[in-house]
């Protein structure tokens, strides 16, 4: 198995690294949000959602079970697979 993986062109050097990212300039906005009772603004929430959806879709495409709860641990994947074998809807998880 290691020999096959070593021949893969994406095996080692094709992944992005921290050095490949551009510098990011941050801007602090000190204007209160009029649409929030405390005037706060959200920071970073948007970047949290897409990876979990992508992971759920990858598990579904690979194994045919849809996980709808976090964490999507190996144990939950096994439970979903067992539930799928027993005929439960959505893998039961």
C-alpha atoms as a PDB file:
ATOM      1  CA  UNK A   1       0.000   0.000   0.000  1.00  0.00           C
ATOM      2  CA  UNK A   2       2.814   2.450   0.760  1.00  0.00           C
ATOM      3  CA  UNK A   3       4.379   1.946  -2.671  1.00  0.00           C
ATOM      4  CA  UNK A   4       1.124   2.827  -4.425  1.00  0.00           C
ATOM      5  CA  UNK A   5       0.660   5.936  -2.290  1.00  0.00           C
ATOM      6  CA  UNK A   6       4.246   7.075  -2.927  1.00  0.00           C
ATOM      7  CA  UNK A   7       3.640   7.018  -6.700  1.00  0.00           C
ATOM      8  CA  UNK A   8       0.646   9.337  -6.400  1.00  0.00           C
ATOM      9  CA  UNK A   9       1.544  12.807  -7.748  1.00  0.00           C
ATOM     10  CA  UNK A  10      -0.459  14.406  -4.932  1.00  0.00           C
ATOM     11  CA  UNK A  11       1.168  12.309  -2.243  1.00  0.00           C
ATOM     12  CA  UNK A  12       3.482  14.816  -0.634  1.00  0.00           C
ATOM     13  CA  UNK A  13       4.033  18.203  -2.183  1.00  0.00           C
ATOM     14  CA  UNK A  14       0.759  19.184  -3.883  1.00  0.00           C
ATOM     15  CA  UNK A  15      -1.046  20.259  -0.715  1.00  0.00           C
ATOM     16  CA  UNK A  16      -1.210  23.867   0.333  1.00  0.00           C
ATOM     17  CA  UNK A  17       1.030  24.933   3.147  1.00  0.00           C
ATOM     18  CA  UNK A  18       0.954  27.912   5.465  1.00  0.00           C
ATOM     19  CA  UNK A  19       3.680  29.587   3.400  1.00  0.00           C
ATOM     20  CA  UNK A  20       1.426  29.418   0.308  1.00  0.00           C
ATOM     21  CA  UNK A  21      -1.222  31.667   1.849  1.00  0.00           C
ATOM     22  CA  UNK A  22      -1.205  35.396   1.136  1.00  0.00           C
ATOM     23  CA  UNK A  23      -0.781  37.903   3.931  1.00  0.00           C
ATOM     24  CA  UNK A  24      -4.123  39.010   5.338  1.00  0.00           C
ATOM     25  CA  UNK A  25      -4.657  42.549   6.548  1.00  0.00           C
ATOM     26  CA  UNK A  26      -7.243  42.789   9.293  1.00  0.00           C
ATOM     27  CA  UNK A  27      -9.542  45.768   9.697  1.00  0.00           C
ATOM     28  CA  UNK A  28     -11.176  46.465  13.027  1.00  0.00           C
ATOM     29  CA  UNK A  29     -14.652  47.946  12.631  1.00  0.00           C
ATOM     30  CA  UNK A  30     -15.580  49.971  15.690  1.00  0.00           C
ATOM     31  CA  UNK A  31     -19.048  50.939  14.500  1.00  0.00           C
ATOM     32  CA  UNK A  32     -21.825  49.263  16.495  1.00  0.00           C
ATOM     33  CA  UNK A  33     -24.178  46.958  14.634  1.00  0.00           C
ATOM     34  CA  UNK A  34     -27.616  48.607  14.748  1.00  0.00           C
ATOM     35  CA  UNK A  35     -29.345  45.263  14.075  1.00  0.00           C
ATOM     36  CA  UNK A  36     -28.098  43.589  17.259  1.00  0.00           C
ATOM     37  CA  UNK A  37     -29.353  44.372  20.781  1.00  0.00           C
ATOM     38  CA  UNK A  38     -25.784  44.724  22.108  1.00  0.00           C
ATOM     39  CA  UNK A  39     -24.342  46.285  18.955  1.00  0.00           C
ATOM     40  CA  UNK A  40     -21.872  43.429  18.403  1.00  0.00           C
ATOM     41  CA  UNK A  41     -20.643  42.103  15.071  1.00  0.00           C
ATOM     42  CA  UNK A  42     -19.851  38.465  14.316  1.00  0.00           C
ATOM     43  CA  UNK A  43     -16.307  37.391  13.557  1.00  0.00           C
ATOM     44  CA  UNK A  44     -15.331  34.096  11.956  1.00  0.00           C
ATOM     45  CA  UNK A  45     -18.608  32.203  12.137  1.00  0.00           C
ATOM     46  CA  UNK A  46     -18.916  31.873   8.380  1.00  0.00           C
ATOM     47  CA  UNK A  47     -15.676  29.913   8.083  1.00  0.00           C
ATOM     48  CA  UNK A  48     -16.854  27.279  10.576  1.00  0.00           C
ATOM     49  CA  UNK A  49     -19.936  26.015   8.716  1.00  0.00           C
ATOM     50  CA  UNK A  50     -18.736  24.901   5.232  1.00  0.00           C
ATOM     51  CA  UNK A  51     -16.076  22.374   6.347  1.00  0.00           C
ATOM     52  CA  UNK A  52     -18.587  20.334   8.361  1.00  0.00           C
ATOM     53  CA  UNK A  53     -21.059  20.277   5.475  1.00  0.00           C
ATOM     54  CA  UNK A  54     -18.291  19.197   3.108  1.00  0.00           C
ATOM     55  CA  UNK A  55     -17.220  16.462   5.523  1.00  0.00           C
ATOM     56  CA  UNK A  56     -20.803  15.242   5.860  1.00  0.00           C
ATOM     57  CA  UNK A  57     -21.192  15.140   2.078  1.00  0.00           C
ATOM     58  CA  UNK A  58     -17.899  13.280   1.681  1.00  0.00           C
ATOM     59  CA  UNK A  59     -18.984  10.642   4.203  1.00  0.00           C
ATOM     60  CA  UNK A  60     -22.344  10.308   2.448  1.00  0.00           C
ATOM     61  CA  UNK A  61     -20.767   9.913  -0.984  1.00  0.00           C
ATOM     62  CA  UNK A  62     -18.193   7.414   0.250  1.00  0.00           C
ATOM     63  CA  UNK A  63     -20.376   5.291   2.528  1.00  0.00           C
ATOM     64  CA  UNK A  64     -23.987   6.115   1.723  1.00  0.00           C
ATOM     65  CA  UNK A  65     -24.895   7.288   5.234  1.00  0.00           C
ATOM     66  CA  UNK A  66     -25.807  10.862   6.111  1.00  0.00           C
ATOM     67  CA  UNK A  67     -24.512  12.093   9.471  1.00  0.00           C
ATOM     68  CA  UNK A  68     -26.461  15.044  10.850  1.00  0.00           C
ATOM     69  CA  UNK A  69     -24.832  15.498  14.262  1.00  0.00           C
ATOM     70  CA  UNK A  70     -21.410  16.601  15.418  1.00  0.00           C
ATOM     71  CA  UNK A  71     -18.909  15.222  16.102  1.00  0.00           C
ATOM     72  CA  UNK A  72     -18.763  12.971  13.055  1.00  0.00           C
ATOM     73  CA  UNK A  73     -16.575  10.487  14.869  1.00  0.00           C
ATOM     74  CA  UNK A  74     -15.597   7.007  13.682  1.00  0.00           C
ATOM     75  CA  UNK A  75     -17.999   5.589  16.274  1.00  0.00           C
ATOM     76  CA  UNK A  76     -20.919   7.553  14.875  1.00  0.00           C
ATOM     77  CA  UNK A  77     -20.002   6.484  11.360  1.00  0.00           C
ATOM     78  CA  UNK A  78     -20.032   2.837  12.450  1.00  0.00           C
ATOM     79  CA  UNK A  79     -23.383   3.320  14.193  1.00  0.00           C
ATOM     80  CA  UNK A  80     -24.807   4.860  11.018  1.00  0.00           C
ATOM     81  CA  UNK A  81     -23.496   1.977   8.919  1.00  0.00           C
ATOM     82  CA  UNK A  82     -25.003  -0.582  11.302  1.00  0.00           C
ATOM     83  CA  UNK A  83     -28.312   1.281  11.284  1.00  0.00           C
ATOM     84  CA  UNK A  84     -28.240   1.334   7.484  1.00  0.00           C
ATOM     85  CA  UNK A  85     -27.756  -2.446   7.453  1.00  0.00           C
ATOM     86  CA  UNK A  86     -30.801  -2.771   9.731  1.00  0.00           C
ATOM     87  CA  UNK A  87     -32.909  -0.666   7.392  1.00  0.00           C
ATOM     88  CA  UNK A  88     -33.219   2.517   9.440  1.00  0.00           C
ATOM     89  CA  UNK A  89     -33.746   5.774   7.556  1.00  0.00           C
ATOM     90  CA  UNK A  90     -30.721   8.100   7.060  1.00  0.00           C
ATOM     91  CA  UNK A  91     -28.464   5.580   8.711  1.00  0.00           C
ATOM     92  CA  UNK A  92     -30.147   6.285  12.043  1.00  0.00           C
ATOM     93  CA  UNK A  93     -27.719   9.014  13.089  1.00  0.00           C
END
